[in-house]
Amino acid sequence: MAKNRHKELGLSDDDVLGMYETMLLARRIDERMWLLNRSGKIPFVISCQGQEAAQVGAAYALDREKDYVLPYYRDLGVVLAFGMTTKEIMLSGFAKAEDPNSGGRQMPGHFGQKKNRIVTGSSPVTTQVPHAVGVALAARMEGSDLVAFVTFGEGSSNQGDFHEGANFAGVHKLPVIFMCENNKYAISVPVEKQLACEKVSDRAAGYGMPGITIDGNDPLVVYSAVKEAAIRCRNGEGPTLIETVCNRLTAHSSDDDDRTYRSPDEMEKAKKQDPIILFGSYLKENGILDDELEKEINERIMKQVNEATDYAEEAPYALPEDAMKHVYHEKE
């Protein structure tokens, strides 16, 4: 990475240090979730590892006081940047009553928090795309200049929900950013068996919007692309499709064994592109991060993760009699 690229984008040293810390926090929470799952304490993990740069770079380019995000299940970096706390993520992992996403009803990775404009996702993939288009339409009808930001994997770009949402947004020039986090696998299916076109972004032309493919391992590249797309949205110029090419550094989920379809050589190559290591090196080259500060940040994050884990493990489960709450209408 060239020197001082962040300053050319209007980002301060504190901004990029905050980006790095959010990326590292997402990684450390994720790693803890795997340990808890393997020790039988939480039921499921679906990982963000390798995709933190795309997620945090994008979130920092949005207005986190106004814009709406519709994340997919790996987007731990997005929801942390938009205000969800480590404690709240852990409460979700343990399926406790205080879980802000669903009160312990949903699997981990089904993010939703009204106060931070994180719109609830569901287990069927890609349903968040037409929802994001609906949010963008509502913004248009209300005369608001907010942006709806939605993410999904490259496998999801083959679903009807994506194509219907993209077509509607393109026709009506709605303020929505479609960001595909292309980690090259739809569970175990490699991208070359998913797409007949070369890139996911090639599909944008069919819906009358710009489409770009960028390096998802570089948060500054992602920041720049999402910032430009957000400006287009606020200027009434319509949607953008951004494809961020990144690597999934873990199995698809805690129920998957990726050794059956990925070679050790492939994984070694992916690990050399670890966005946290690459961005940390950039910060050190620019004199923003040194070994002492890196150690201090990591210790602060681990304290936070440990405290959140302890709190969530001891927190009460939802009451059985509340199982139907928010499902059926309740008389006053």
C-alpha atoms as a PDB file:
ATOM      1  CA  MET A   1       0.000   0.000   0.000  1.00  0.00           C
ATOM      2  CA  ALA A   2       1.306   3.441  -0.935  1.00  0.00           C
ATOM      3  CA  LYS A   3       1.975   5.948   1.832  1.00  0.00           C
ATOM      4  CA  ASN A   4      -0.645   8.383   3.144  1.00  0.00           C
ATOM      5  CA  ARG A   5      -3.431   7.041   0.948  1.00  0.00           C
ATOM      6  CA  HIS A   6      -5.895   7.622   3.771  1.00  0.00           C
ATOM      7  CA  LYS A   7      -5.160  11.363   3.833  1.00  0.00           C
ATOM      8  CA  GLU A   8      -5.910  11.603   0.119  1.00  0.00           C
ATOM      9  CA  LEU A   9      -9.347  10.151   0.981  1.00  0.00           C
ATOM     10  CA  GLY A  10      -9.920  12.727   3.725  1.00  0.00           C
ATOM     11  CA  LEU A  11      -9.330  10.263   6.567  1.00  0.00           C
ATOM     12  CA  SER A  12      -7.284  11.239   9.623  1.00  0.00           C
ATOM     13  CA  ASP A  13      -4.786   9.032  11.412  1.00  0.00           C
ATOM     14  CA  ASP A  14      -7.383   8.526  14.147  1.00  0.00           C
ATOM     15  CA  ASP A  15      -9.956   7.449  11.544  1.00  0.00           C
ATOM     16  CA  VAL A  16      -7.782   4.692  10.128  1.00  0.00           C
ATOM     17  CA  LEU A  17      -6.680   3.594  13.586  1.00  0.00           C
ATOM     18  CA  GLY A  18     -10.382   3.289  14.458  1.00  0.00           C
ATOM     19  CA  MET A  19     -10.939   1.215  11.331  1.00  0.00           C
ATOM     20  CA  TYR A  20      -8.085  -1.086  12.294  1.00  0.00           C
ATOM     21  CA  GLU A  21      -9.370  -1.466  15.840  1.00  0.00           C
ATOM     22  CA  THR A  22     -12.883  -2.314  14.628  1.00  0.00           C
ATOM     23  CA  MET A  23     -11.475  -4.900  12.205  1.00  0.00           C
ATOM     24  CA  LEU A  24      -9.394  -6.439  14.990  1.00  0.00           C
ATOM     25  CA  LEU A  25     -12.347  -6.440  17.391  1.00  0.00           C
ATOM     26  CA  ALA A  26     -14.453  -8.315  14.826  1.00  0.00           C
ATOM     27  CA  ARG A  27     -11.654 -10.870  14.418  1.00  0.00           C
ATOM     28  CA  ARG A  28     -11.185 -11.406  18.148  1.00  0.00           C
ATOM     29  CA  ILE A  29     -14.932 -11.803  18.770  1.00  0.00           C
ATOM     30  CA  ASP A  30     -15.111 -14.272  15.900  1.00  0.00           C
ATOM     31  CA  GLU A  31     -12.167 -16.289  17.204  1.00  0.00           C
ATOM     32  CA  ARG A  32     -13.765 -16.410  20.652  1.00  0.00           C
ATOM     33  CA  MET A  33     -17.044 -17.628  19.128  1.00  0.00           C
ATOM     34  CA  TRP A  34     -15.224 -20.576  17.536  1.00  0.00           C
ATOM     35  CA  LEU A  35     -13.660 -21.514  20.871  1.00  0.00           C
ATOM     36  CA  LEU A  36     -17.035 -21.317  22.607  1.00  0.00           C
ATOM     37  CA  ASN A  37     -18.648 -23.415  19.896  1.00  0.00           C
ATOM     38  CA  ARG A  38     -15.974 -26.093  19.998  1.00  0.00           C
ATOM     39  CA  SER A  39     -16.309 -26.276  23.780  1.00  0.00           C
ATOM     40  CA  GLY A  40     -20.054 -26.832  23.448  1.00  0.00           C
ATOM     41  CA  LYS A  41     -21.126 -23.489  24.911  1.00  0.00           C
ATOM     42  CA  ILE A  42     -22.707 -21.841  21.862  1.00  0.00           C
ATOM     43  CA  PRO A  43     -24.548 -23.603  19.037  1.00  0.00           C
ATOM     44  CA  PHE A  44     -23.254 -22.055  15.830  1.00  0.00           C
ATOM     45  CA  VAL A  45     -20.652 -19.764  14.236  1.00  0.00           C
ATOM     46  CA  ILE A  46     -20.684 -18.220  10.790  1.00  0.00           C
ATOM     47  CA  SER A  47     -17.451 -16.352  10.391  1.00  0.00           C
ATOM     48  CA  CYS A  48     -16.324 -12.908   9.258  1.00  0.00           C
ATOM     49  CA  GLN A  49     -12.620 -13.806   9.190  1.00  0.00           C
ATOM     50  CA  GLY A  50     -10.953 -12.492   6.035  1.00  0.00           C
ATOM     51  CA  GLN A  51     -13.778 -10.094   5.181  1.00  0.00           C
ATOM     52  CA  GLU A  52     -13.290  -7.462   7.888  1.00  0.00           C
ATOM     53  CA  ALA A  53     -11.655  -4.920   5.559  1.00  0.00           C
ATOM     54  CA  ALA A  54     -14.590  -4.875   3.166  1.00  0.00           C
ATOM     55  CA  GLN A  55     -17.071  -4.607   6.021  1.00  0.00           C
ATOM     56  CA  VAL A  56     -15.368  -1.896   8.068  1.00  0.00           C
ATOM     57  CA  GLY A  57     -14.124   0.098   5.079  1.00  0.00           C
ATOM     58  CA  ALA A  58     -17.694   0.266   3.786  1.00  0.00           C
ATOM     59  CA  ALA A  59     -19.263   1.135   7.154  1.00  0.00           C
ATOM     60  CA  TYR A  60     -16.854   4.044   7.673  1.00  0.00           C
ATOM     61  CA  ALA A  61     -17.861   5.487   4.279  1.00  0.00           C
ATOM     62  CA  LEU A  62     -21.522   5.699   5.316  1.00  0.00           C
ATOM     63  CA  ASP A  63     -23.310   8.152   7.595  1.00  0.00           C
ATOM     64  CA  ARG A  64     -23.566   6.084  10.757  1.00  0.00           C
ATOM     65  CA  GLU A  65     -26.068   8.527  12.257  1.00  0.00           C
ATOM     66  CA  LYS A  66     -28.543   8.356   9.375  1.00  0.00           C
ATOM     67  CA  ASP A  67     -28.022   5.531   6.854  1.00  0.00           C
ATOM     68  CA  TYR A  68     -29.602   2.095   7.103  1.00  0.00           C
ATOM     69  CA  VAL A  69     -27.641  -1.147   6.804  1.00  0.00           C
ATOM     70  CA  LEU A  70     -29.053  -4.522   5.856  1.00  0.00           C
ATOM     71  CA  PRO A  71     -26.172  -6.885   6.614  1.00  0.00           C
ATOM     72  CA  TYR A  72     -25.777 -10.519   5.755  1.00  0.00           C
ATOM     73  CA  TYR A  73     -24.735 -13.099   8.299  1.00  0.00           C
ATOM     74  CA  ARG A  74     -20.954 -12.543   8.107  1.00  0.00           C
ATOM     75  CA  ASP A  75     -21.110  -8.782   8.618  1.00  0.00           C
ATOM     76  CA  LEU A  76     -19.776  -8.532  12.148  1.00  0.00           C
ATOM     77  CA  GLY A  77     -17.518  -5.631  11.106  1.00  0.00           C
ATOM     78  CA  VAL A  78     -20.471  -3.653   9.724  1.00  0.00           C
ATOM     79  CA  VAL A  79     -22.684  -4.004  12.795  1.00  0.00           C
ATOM     80  CA  LEU A  80     -19.833  -3.215  15.207  1.00  0.00           C
ATOM     81  CA  ALA A  81     -19.042  -0.057  13.238  1.00  0.00           C
ATOM     82  CA  PHE A  82     -22.733   0.895  13.349  1.00  0.00           C
ATOM     83  CA  GLY A  83     -22.899   0.665  17.122  1.00  0.00           C
ATOM     84  CA  MET A  84     -23.582  -2.912  18.171  1.00  0.00           C
ATOM     85  CA  THR A  85     -21.447  -3.818  21.191  1.00  0.00           C
ATOM     86  CA  THR A  86     -19.271  -6.812  21.974  1.00  0.00           C
ATOM     87  CA  LYS A  87     -21.580  -7.678  24.873  1.00  0.00           C
ATOM     88  CA  GLU A  88     -24.611  -7.660  22.557  1.00  0.00           C
ATOM     89  CA  ILE A  89     -22.858  -9.924  20.057  1.00  0.00           C
ATOM     90  CA  MET A  90     -21.981 -12.366  22.840  1.00  0.00           C
ATOM     91  CA  LEU A  91     -25.546 -12.336  24.183  1.00  0.00           C
ATOM     92  CA  SER A  92     -26.655 -13.333  20.709  1.00  0.00           C
ATOM     93  CA  GLY A  93     -24.101 -16.143  20.561  1.00  0.00           C
ATOM     94  CA  PHE A  94     -25.340 -17.587  23.833  1.00  0.00           C
ATOM     95  CA  ALA A  95     -29.009 -17.007  22.812  1.00  0.00           C
ATOM     96  CA  LYS A  96     -29.812 -15.078  25.976  1.00  0.00           C
ATOM     97  CA  ALA A  97     -32.877 -12.984  26.750  1.00  0.00           C
ATOM     98  CA  GLU A  98     -30.942  -9.713  26.398  1.00  0.00           C
ATOM     99  CA  ASP A  99     -29.872 -10.526  22.830  1.00  0.00           C
ATOM    100  CA  PRO A 100     -30.897  -7.344  20.958  1.00  0.00           C
ATOM    101  CA  ASN A 101     -31.299  -9.155  17.648  1.00  0.00           C
ATOM    102  CA  SER A 102     -34.078 -11.534  18.634  1.00  0.00           C
ATOM    103  CA  GLY A 103     -34.183 -12.074  22.385  1.00  0.00           C
ATOM    104  CA  GLY A 104     -32.430 -15.407  21.948  1.00  0.00           C
ATOM    105  CA  ARG A 105     -34.770 -16.718  19.243  1.00  0.00           C
ATOM    106  CA  GLN A 106     -32.411 -16.559  16.272  1.00  0.00           C
ATOM    107  CA  MET A 107     -29.097 -18.167  15.358  1.00  0.00           C
ATOM    108  CA  PRO A 108     -25.960 -15.997  15.638  1.00  0.00           C
ATOM    109  CA  GLY A 109     -25.368 -13.761  12.614  1.00  0.00           C
ATOM    110  CA  HIS A 110     -29.012 -12.704  12.272  1.00  0.00           C
ATOM    111  CA  PHE A 111     -28.342  -9.081  13.100  1.00  0.00           C
ATOM    112  CA  GLY A 112     -31.008  -6.499  13.829  1.00  0.00           C
ATOM    113  CA  GLN A 113     -31.100  -3.398  16.034  1.00  0.00           C
ATOM    114  CA  LYS A 114     -33.611  -0.631  15.490  1.00  0.00           C
ATOM    115  CA  LYS A 115     -31.766   2.143  17.329  1.00  0.00           C
ATOM    116  CA  ASN A 116     -28.701   1.725  15.108  1.00  0.00           C
ATOM    117  CA  ARG A 117     -30.719   1.251  11.876  1.00  0.00           C
ATOM    118  CA  ILE A 118     -29.521  -2.324  11.440  1.00  0.00           C
ATOM    119  CA  VAL A 119     -32.429  -4.019   9.683  1.00  0.00           C
ATOM    120  CA  THR A 120     -33.250  -7.567  10.778  1.00  0.00           C
ATOM    121  CA  GLY A 121     -32.082 -10.364   8.499  1.00  0.00           C
ATOM    122  CA  SER A 122     -33.467 -13.851   8.066  1.00  0.00           C
ATOM    123  CA  SER A 123     -32.114 -17.337   7.427  1.00  0.00           C
ATOM    124  CA  PRO A 124     -33.162 -17.583   3.745  1.00  0.00           C
ATOM    125  CA  VAL A 125     -30.299 -15.878   1.905  1.00  0.00           C
ATOM    126  CA  THR A 126     -30.739 -12.635  -0.043  1.00  0.00           C
ATOM    127  CA  THR A 127     -34.105 -11.572   1.398  1.00  0.00           C
ATOM    128  CA  GLN A 128     -32.304  -8.469   2.704  1.00  0.00           C
ATOM    129  CA  VAL A 129     -31.814  -7.156  -0.856  1.00  0.00           C
ATOM    130  CA  PRO A 130     -35.465  -6.351  -1.702  1.00  0.00           C
ATOM    131  CA  HIS A 131     -35.856  -5.095   1.864  1.00  0.00           C
ATOM    132  CA  ALA A 132     -33.005  -2.622   1.266  1.00  0.00           C
ATOM    133  CA  VAL A 133     -34.672  -1.477  -1.933  1.00  0.00           C
ATOM    134  CA  GLY A 134     -37.865  -0.925   0.070  1.00  0.00           C
ATOM    135  CA  VAL A 135     -35.976   1.211   2.599  1.00  0.00           C
ATOM    136  CA  ALA A 136     -34.509   3.226  -0.279  1.00  0.00           C
ATOM    137  CA  LEU A 137     -37.962   3.680  -1.815  1.00  0.00           C
ATOM    138  CA  ALA A 138     -39.327   4.873   1.537  1.00  0.00           C
ATOM    139  CA  ALA A 139     -36.452   7.373   1.782  1.00  0.00           C
ATOM    140  CA  ARG A 140     -37.306   8.687  -1.670  1.00  0.00           C
ATOM    141  CA  MET A 141     -41.001   9.019  -0.770  1.00  0.00           C
ATOM    142  CA  GLU A 142     -40.157  10.885   2.451  1.00  0.00           C
ATOM    143  CA  GLY A 143     -37.670  13.201   0.774  1.00  0.00           C
ATOM    144  CA  SER A 144     -34.797  11.902   2.922  1.00  0.00           C
ATOM    145  CA  ASP A 145     -31.235  11.703   1.619  1.00  0.00           C
ATOM    146  CA  LEU A 146     -30.393   8.565   3.599  1.00  0.00           C
ATOM    147  CA  VAL A 147     -28.729   5.624   1.879  1.00  0.00           C
ATOM    148  CA  ALA A 148     -29.680   1.949   2.195  1.00  0.00           C
ATOM    149  CA  PHE A 149     -26.586  -0.268   2.220  1.00  0.00           C
ATOM    150  CA  VAL A 150     -27.006  -3.999   1.688  1.00  0.00           C
ATOM    151  CA  THR A 151     -24.456  -6.813   1.596  1.00  0.00           C
ATOM    152  CA  PHE A 152     -24.537 -10.395   0.379  1.00  0.00           C
ATOM    153  CA  GLY A 153     -22.241 -13.158  -0.830  1.00  0.00           C
ATOM    154  CA  GLU A 154     -21.580 -13.958  -4.485  1.00  0.00           C
ATOM    155  CA  GLY A 155     -23.772 -17.047  -4.147  1.00  0.00           C
ATOM    156  CA  SER A 156     -26.657 -14.768  -3.188  1.00  0.00           C
ATOM    157  CA  SER A 157     -26.211 -12.808  -6.409  1.00  0.00           C
ATOM    158  CA  ASN A 158     -27.682 -15.850  -8.187  1.00  0.00           C
ATOM    159  CA  GLN A 159     -30.921 -15.632  -6.224  1.00  0.00           C
ATOM    160  CA  GLY A 160     -34.085 -14.066  -7.655  1.00  0.00           C
ATOM    161  CA  ASP A 161     -34.234 -11.644  -4.714  1.00  0.00           C
ATOM    162  CA  PHE A 162     -31.032  -9.960  -5.908  1.00  0.00           C
ATOM    163  CA  HIS A 163     -32.159  -9.591  -9.512  1.00  0.00           C
ATOM    164  CA  GLU A 164     -35.640  -8.331  -8.644  1.00  0.00           C
ATOM    165  CA  GLY A 165     -34.265  -5.856  -6.117  1.00  0.00           C
ATOM    166  CA  ALA A 166     -31.538  -4.608  -8.452  1.00  0.00           C
ATOM    167  CA  ASN A 167     -33.966  -4.207 -11.331  1.00  0.00           C
ATOM    168  CA  PHE A 168     -36.468  -2.200  -9.252  1.00  0.00           C
ATOM    169  CA  ALA A 169     -33.706   0.002  -7.811  1.00  0.00           C
ATOM    170  CA  GLY A 170     -32.251   0.606 -11.261  1.00  0.00           C
ATOM    171  CA  VAL A 171     -35.586   1.493 -12.857  1.00  0.00           C
ATOM    172  CA  HIS A 172     -36.471   3.968 -10.091  1.00  0.00           C
ATOM    173  CA  LYS A 173     -32.903   5.206  -9.458  1.00  0.00           C
ATOM    174  CA  LEU A 174     -33.184   4.494  -5.755  1.00  0.00           C
ATOM    175  CA  PRO A 175     -30.511   5.374  -3.155  1.00  0.00           C
ATOM    176  CA  VAL A 176     -29.237   1.870  -2.436  1.00  0.00           C
ATOM    177  CA  ILE A 177     -25.730   0.427  -2.499  1.00  0.00           C
ATOM    178  CA  PHE A 178     -25.462  -3.272  -3.298  1.00  0.00           C
ATOM    179  CA  MET A 179     -22.173  -4.680  -1.975  1.00  0.00           C
ATOM    180  CA  CYS A 180     -21.256  -8.258  -2.810  1.00  0.00           C
ATOM    181  CA  GLU A 181     -18.594  -9.766  -0.554  1.00  0.00           C
ATOM    182  CA  ASN A 182     -17.228 -12.306  -3.006  1.00  0.00           C
ATOM    183  CA  ASN A 183     -15.292 -14.818  -0.908  1.00  0.00           C
ATOM    184  CA  LYS A 184     -15.176 -17.232  -3.858  1.00  0.00           C
ATOM    185  CA  TYR A 185     -17.348 -19.960  -2.307  1.00  0.00           C
ATOM    186  CA  ALA A 186     -21.092 -20.430  -1.842  1.00  0.00           C
ATOM    187  CA  ILE A 187     -20.614 -22.882   1.030  1.00  0.00           C
ATOM    188  CA  SER A 188     -18.566 -25.428  -0.982  1.00  0.00           C
ATOM    189  CA  VAL A 189     -19.388 -24.329  -4.548  1.00  0.00           C
ATOM    190  CA  PRO A 190     -16.514 -22.347  -6.161  1.00  0.00           C
ATOM    191  CA  VAL A 191     -17.322 -19.127  -7.959  1.00  0.00           C
ATOM    192  CA  GLU A 192     -16.492 -20.536 -11.402  1.00  0.00           C
ATOM    193  CA  LYS A 193     -19.391 -22.978 -10.971  1.00  0.00           C
ATOM    194  CA  GLN A 194     -21.738 -20.201  -9.862  1.00  0.00           C
ATOM    195  CA  LEU A 195     -21.379 -17.537 -12.553  1.00  0.00           C
ATOM    196  CA  ALA A 196     -21.429 -17.678 -16.335  1.00  0.00           C
ATOM    197  CA  CYS A 197     -20.073 -14.117 -16.461  1.00  0.00           C
ATOM    198  CA  GLU A 198     -16.578 -13.219 -15.291  1.00  0.00           C
ATOM    199  CA  LYS A 199     -17.568 -10.944 -12.412  1.00  0.00           C
ATOM    200  CA  VAL A 200     -20.605 -10.322 -10.243  1.00  0.00           C
ATOM    201  CA  SER A 201     -20.282  -6.643 -11.150  1.00  0.00           C
ATOM    202  CA  ASP A 202     -20.889  -7.500 -14.837  1.00  0.00           C
ATOM    203  CA  ARG A 203     -24.537  -7.921 -13.886  1.00  0.00           C
ATOM    204  CA  ALA A 204     -24.924  -4.223 -13.065  1.00  0.00           C
ATOM    205  CA  ALA A 205     -25.230  -3.227 -16.740  1.00  0.00           C
ATOM    206  CA  GLY A 206     -28.484  -5.183 -17.026  1.00  0.00           C
ATOM    207  CA  TYR A 207     -30.021  -2.972 -14.360  1.00  0.00           C
ATOM    208  CA  GLY A 208     -28.742   0.401 -15.553  1.00  0.00           C
ATOM    209  CA  MET A 209     -26.314   1.024 -12.726  1.00  0.00           C
ATOM    210  CA  PRO A 210     -22.517   1.262 -12.403  1.00  0.00           C
ATOM    211  CA  GLY A 211     -20.774  -1.952 -11.366  1.00  0.00           C
ATOM    212  CA  ILE A 212     -17.198  -2.215 -10.111  1.00  0.00           C
ATOM    213  CA  THR A 213     -14.987  -4.996  -8.802  1.00  0.00           C
ATOM    214  CA  ILE A 214     -12.403  -4.012  -6.189  1.00  0.00           C
ATOM    215  CA  ASP A 215      -9.902  -5.479  -3.733  1.00  0.00           C
ATOM    216  CA  GLY A 216     -11.898  -6.427  -0.645  1.00  0.00           C
ATOM    217  CA  ASN A 217      -8.714  -6.940   1.385  1.00  0.00           C
ATOM    218  CA  ASP A 218      -7.988  -3.190   1.409  1.00  0.00           C
ATOM    219  CA  PRO A 219     -10.348  -1.103   3.591  1.00  0.00           C
ATOM    220  CA  LEU A 220      -9.245   2.136   1.946  1.00  0.00           C
ATOM    221  CA  VAL A 221     -10.163   0.906  -1.543  1.00  0.00           C
ATOM    222  CA  VAL A 222     -13.566  -0.179  -0.220  1.00  0.00           C
ATOM    223  CA  TYR A 223     -14.041   3.093   1.656  1.00  0.00           C
ATOM    224  CA  SER A 224     -13.382   5.083  -1.507  1.00  0.00           C
ATOM    225  CA  ALA A 225     -15.802   3.039  -3.630  1.00  0.00           C
ATOM    226  CA  VAL A 226     -18.630   3.114  -1.083  1.00  0.00           C
ATOM    227  CA  LYS A 227     -18.118   6.833  -0.422  1.00  0.00           C
ATOM    228  CA  GLU A 228     -18.473   7.566  -4.141  1.00  0.00           C
ATOM    229  CA  ALA A 229     -21.558   5.328  -4.381  1.00  0.00           C
ATOM    230  CA  ALA A 230     -23.128   7.096  -1.381  1.00  0.00           C
ATOM    231  CA  ILE A 231     -22.557  10.496  -2.993  1.00  0.00           C
ATOM    232  CA  ARG A 232     -24.274   9.229  -6.157  1.00  0.00           C
ATOM    233  CA  CYS A 233     -27.221   8.048  -4.050  1.00  0.00           C
ATOM    234  CA  ARG A 234     -27.588  11.371  -2.225  1.00  0.00           C
ATOM    235  CA  ASN A 235     -27.395  13.242  -5.539  1.00  0.00           C
ATOM    236  CA  GLY A 236     -30.310  11.256  -6.911  1.00  0.00           C
ATOM    237  CA  GLU A 237     -28.139   9.352  -9.408  1.00  0.00           C
ATOM    238  CA  GLY A 238     -29.332   5.926  -8.335  1.00  0.00           C
ATOM    239  CA  PRO A 239     -27.785   2.659  -7.117  1.00  0.00           C
ATOM    240  CA  THR A 240     -24.343   1.082  -7.483  1.00  0.00           C
ATOM    241  CA  LEU A 241     -23.200  -2.542  -7.423  1.00  0.00           C
ATOM    242  CA  ILE A 242     -19.821  -3.007  -5.730  1.00  0.00           C
ATOM    243  CA  GLU A 243     -18.100  -6.400  -5.758  1.00  0.00           C
ATOM    244  CA  THR A 244     -15.395  -6.751  -3.099  1.00  0.00           C
ATOM    245  CA  VAL A 245     -13.150  -9.741  -3.751  1.00  0.00           C
ATOM    246  CA  CYS A 246     -11.937 -11.243  -0.489  1.00  0.00           C
ATOM    247  CA  ASN A 247     -11.159 -14.566   1.187  1.00  0.00           C
ATOM    248  CA  ARG A 248     -13.100 -16.653   3.665  1.00  0.00           C
ATOM    249  CA  LEU A 249     -10.382 -17.744   6.106  1.00  0.00           C
ATOM    250  CA  THR A 250     -12.549 -20.338   7.855  1.00  0.00           C
ATOM    251  CA  ALA A 251     -15.013 -23.025   6.931  1.00  0.00           C
ATOM    252  CA  HIS A 252     -18.432 -21.806   5.783  1.00  0.00           C
ATOM    253  CA  SER A 253     -19.725 -22.301   9.322  1.00  0.00           C
ATOM    254  CA  SER A 254     -19.057 -24.371  12.410  1.00  0.00           C
ATOM    255  CA  ASP A 255     -21.036 -27.190  10.764  1.00  0.00           C
ATOM    256  CA  ASP A 256     -18.821 -27.307   7.648  1.00  0.00           C
ATOM    257  CA  ASP A 257     -15.460 -28.973   6.924  1.00  0.00           C
ATOM    258  CA  ASP A 258     -13.806 -26.973   4.146  1.00  0.00           C
ATOM    259  CA  ARG A 259     -10.861 -29.396   3.960  1.00  0.00           C
ATOM    260  CA  THR A 260     -13.068 -31.515   1.707  1.00  0.00           C
ATOM    261  CA  TYR A 261     -13.111 -28.859  -1.029  1.00  0.00           C
ATOM    262  CA  ARG A 262     -10.193 -26.455  -0.409  1.00  0.00           C
ATOM    263  CA  SER A 263      -6.523 -27.405  -0.623  1.00  0.00           C
ATOM    264  CA  PRO A 264      -3.910 -26.467   2.004  1.00  0.00           C
ATOM    265  CA  ASP A 265      -2.053 -24.473  -0.676  1.00  0.00           C
ATOM    266  CA  GLU A 266      -5.152 -22.417  -1.405  1.00  0.00           C
ATOM    267  CA  MET A 267      -5.615 -21.639   2.274  1.00  0.00           C
ATOM    268  CA  GLU A 268      -1.972 -20.649   2.713  1.00  0.00           C
ATOM    269  CA  LYS A 269      -2.286 -18.212  -0.170  1.00  0.00           C
ATOM    270  CA  ALA A 270      -5.462 -16.748   1.335  1.00  0.00           C
ATOM    271  CA  LYS A 271      -3.804 -16.265   4.733  1.00  0.00           C
ATOM    272  CA  LYS A 272      -1.051 -14.205   3.086  1.00  0.00           C
ATOM    273  CA  GLN A 273      -3.795 -11.754   2.091  1.00  0.00           C
ATOM    274  CA  ASP A 274      -5.157 -11.420   5.643  1.00  0.00           C
ATOM    275  CA  PRO A 275      -6.581  -7.869   5.645  1.00  0.00           C
ATOM    276  CA  ILE A 276      -5.769  -7.219   9.293  1.00  0.00           C
ATOM    277  CA  ILE A 277      -2.088  -8.021   8.796  1.00  0.00           C
ATOM    278  CA  LEU A 278      -1.958  -5.995   5.565  1.00  0.00           C
ATOM    279  CA  PHE A 279      -3.684  -2.955   7.066  1.00  0.00           C
ATOM    280  CA  GLY A 280      -1.576  -3.166  10.209  1.00  0.00           C
ATOM    281  CA  SER A 281       1.536  -3.055   8.005  1.00  0.00           C
ATOM    282  CA  TYR A 282       0.191   0.014   6.200  1.00  0.00           C
ATOM    283  CA  LEU A 283      -0.395   1.800   9.517  1.00  0.00           C
ATOM    284  CA  LYS A 284       3.122   0.936  10.694  1.00  0.00           C
ATOM    285  CA  GLU A 285       4.642   2.182   7.426  1.00  0.00           C
ATOM    286  CA  ASN A 286       2.862   5.495   8.006  1.00  0.00           C
ATOM    287  CA  GLY A 287       3.976   5.800  11.625  1.00  0.00           C
ATOM    288  CA  ILE A 288       0.413   5.467  12.949  1.00  0.00           C
ATOM    289  CA  LEU A 289       0.875   2.080  14.622  1.00  0.00           C
ATOM    290  CA  ASP A 290       3.868   0.543  16.365  1.00  0.00           C
ATOM    291  CA  ASP A 291       4.373  -2.692  18.266  1.00  0.00           C
ATOM    292  CA  GLU A 292       3.613  -1.073  21.630  1.00  0.00           C
ATOM    293  CA  LEU A 293       0.321   0.470  20.470  1.00  0.00           C
ATOM    294  CA  GLU A 294      -0.614  -2.741  18.666  1.00  0.00           C
ATOM    295  CA  LYS A 295      -0.134  -4.661  21.913  1.00  0.00           C
ATOM    296  CA  GLU A 296      -2.142  -2.070  23.864  1.00  0.00           C
ATOM    297  CA  ILE A 297      -5.057  -2.221  21.382  1.00  0.00           C
ATOM    298  CA  ASN A 298      -5.080  -6.014  21.412  1.00  0.00           C
ATOM    299  CA  GLU A 299      -5.037  -6.152  25.219  1.00  0.00           C
ATOM    300  CA  ARG A 300      -7.898  -3.636  25.412  1.00  0.00           C
ATOM    301  CA  ILE A 301      -9.932  -5.646  22.914  1.00  0.00           C
ATOM    302  CA  MET A 302      -9.273  -8.957  24.683  1.00  0.00           C
ATOM    303  CA  LYS A 303     -10.371  -7.444  28.000  1.00  0.00           C
ATOM    304  CA  GLN A 304     -13.580  -6.337  26.324  1.00  0.00           C
ATOM    305  CA  VAL A 305     -14.128  -9.777  24.746  1.00  0.00           C
ATOM    306  CA  ASN A 306     -13.424 -11.579  28.032  1.00  0.00           C
ATOM    307  CA  GLU A 307     -15.799  -9.368  30.017  1.00  0.00           C
ATOM    308  CA  ALA A 308     -18.519  -9.717  27.376  1.00  0.00           C
ATOM    309  CA  THR A 309     -18.100 -13.505  27.326  1.00  0.00           C
ATOM    310  CA  ASP A 310     -18.393 -13.757  31.117  1.00  0.00           C
ATOM    311  CA  TYR A 311     -21.431 -11.478  31.184  1.00  0.00           C
ATOM    312  CA  ALA A 312     -23.254 -13.323  28.398  1.00  0.00           C
ATOM    313  CA  GLU A 313     -22.516 -16.761  29.811  1.00  0.00           C
ATOM    314  CA  GLU A 314     -24.063 -15.796  33.157  1.00  0.00           C
ATOM    315  CA  ALA A 315     -27.006 -13.844  31.715  1.00  0.00           C
ATOM    316  CA  PRO A 316     -30.488 -15.412  31.954  1.00  0.00           C
ATOM    317  CA  TYR A 317     -32.180 -17.215  29.098  1.00  0.00           C
ATOM    318  CA  ALA A 318     -35.528 -16.005  27.779  1.00  0.00           C
ATOM    319  CA  LEU A 319     -38.565 -17.195  29.714  1.00  0.00           C
ATOM    320  CA  PRO A 320     -40.452 -20.081  28.072  1.00  0.00           C
ATOM    321  CA  GLU A 321     -43.715 -18.155  28.388  1.00  0.00           C
ATOM    322  CA  ASP A 322     -42.239 -15.410  26.171  1.00  0.00           C
ATOM    323  CA  ALA A 323     -41.716 -17.764  23.216  1.00  0.00           C
ATOM    324  CA  MET A 324     -44.721 -16.361  21.338  1.00  0.00           C
ATOM    325  CA  LYS A 325     -44.024 -12.716  22.175  1.00  0.00           C
ATOM    326  CA  HIS A 326     -43.863 -10.548  19.043  1.00  0.00           C
ATOM    327  CA  VAL A 327     -45.212 -13.481  17.012  1.00  0.00           C
ATOM    328  CA  TYR A 328     -48.936 -13.108  17.691  1.00  0.00           C
ATOM    329  CA  HIS A 329     -50.905  -9.997  18.517  1.00  0.00           C
ATOM    330  CA  GLU A 330     -51.460  -9.615  22.227  1.00  0.00           C
ATOM    331  CA  LYS A 331     -54.599  -8.003  23.591  1.00  0.00           C
ATOM    332  CA  GLU A 332     -54.103  -5.115  25.942  1.00  0.00           C
END
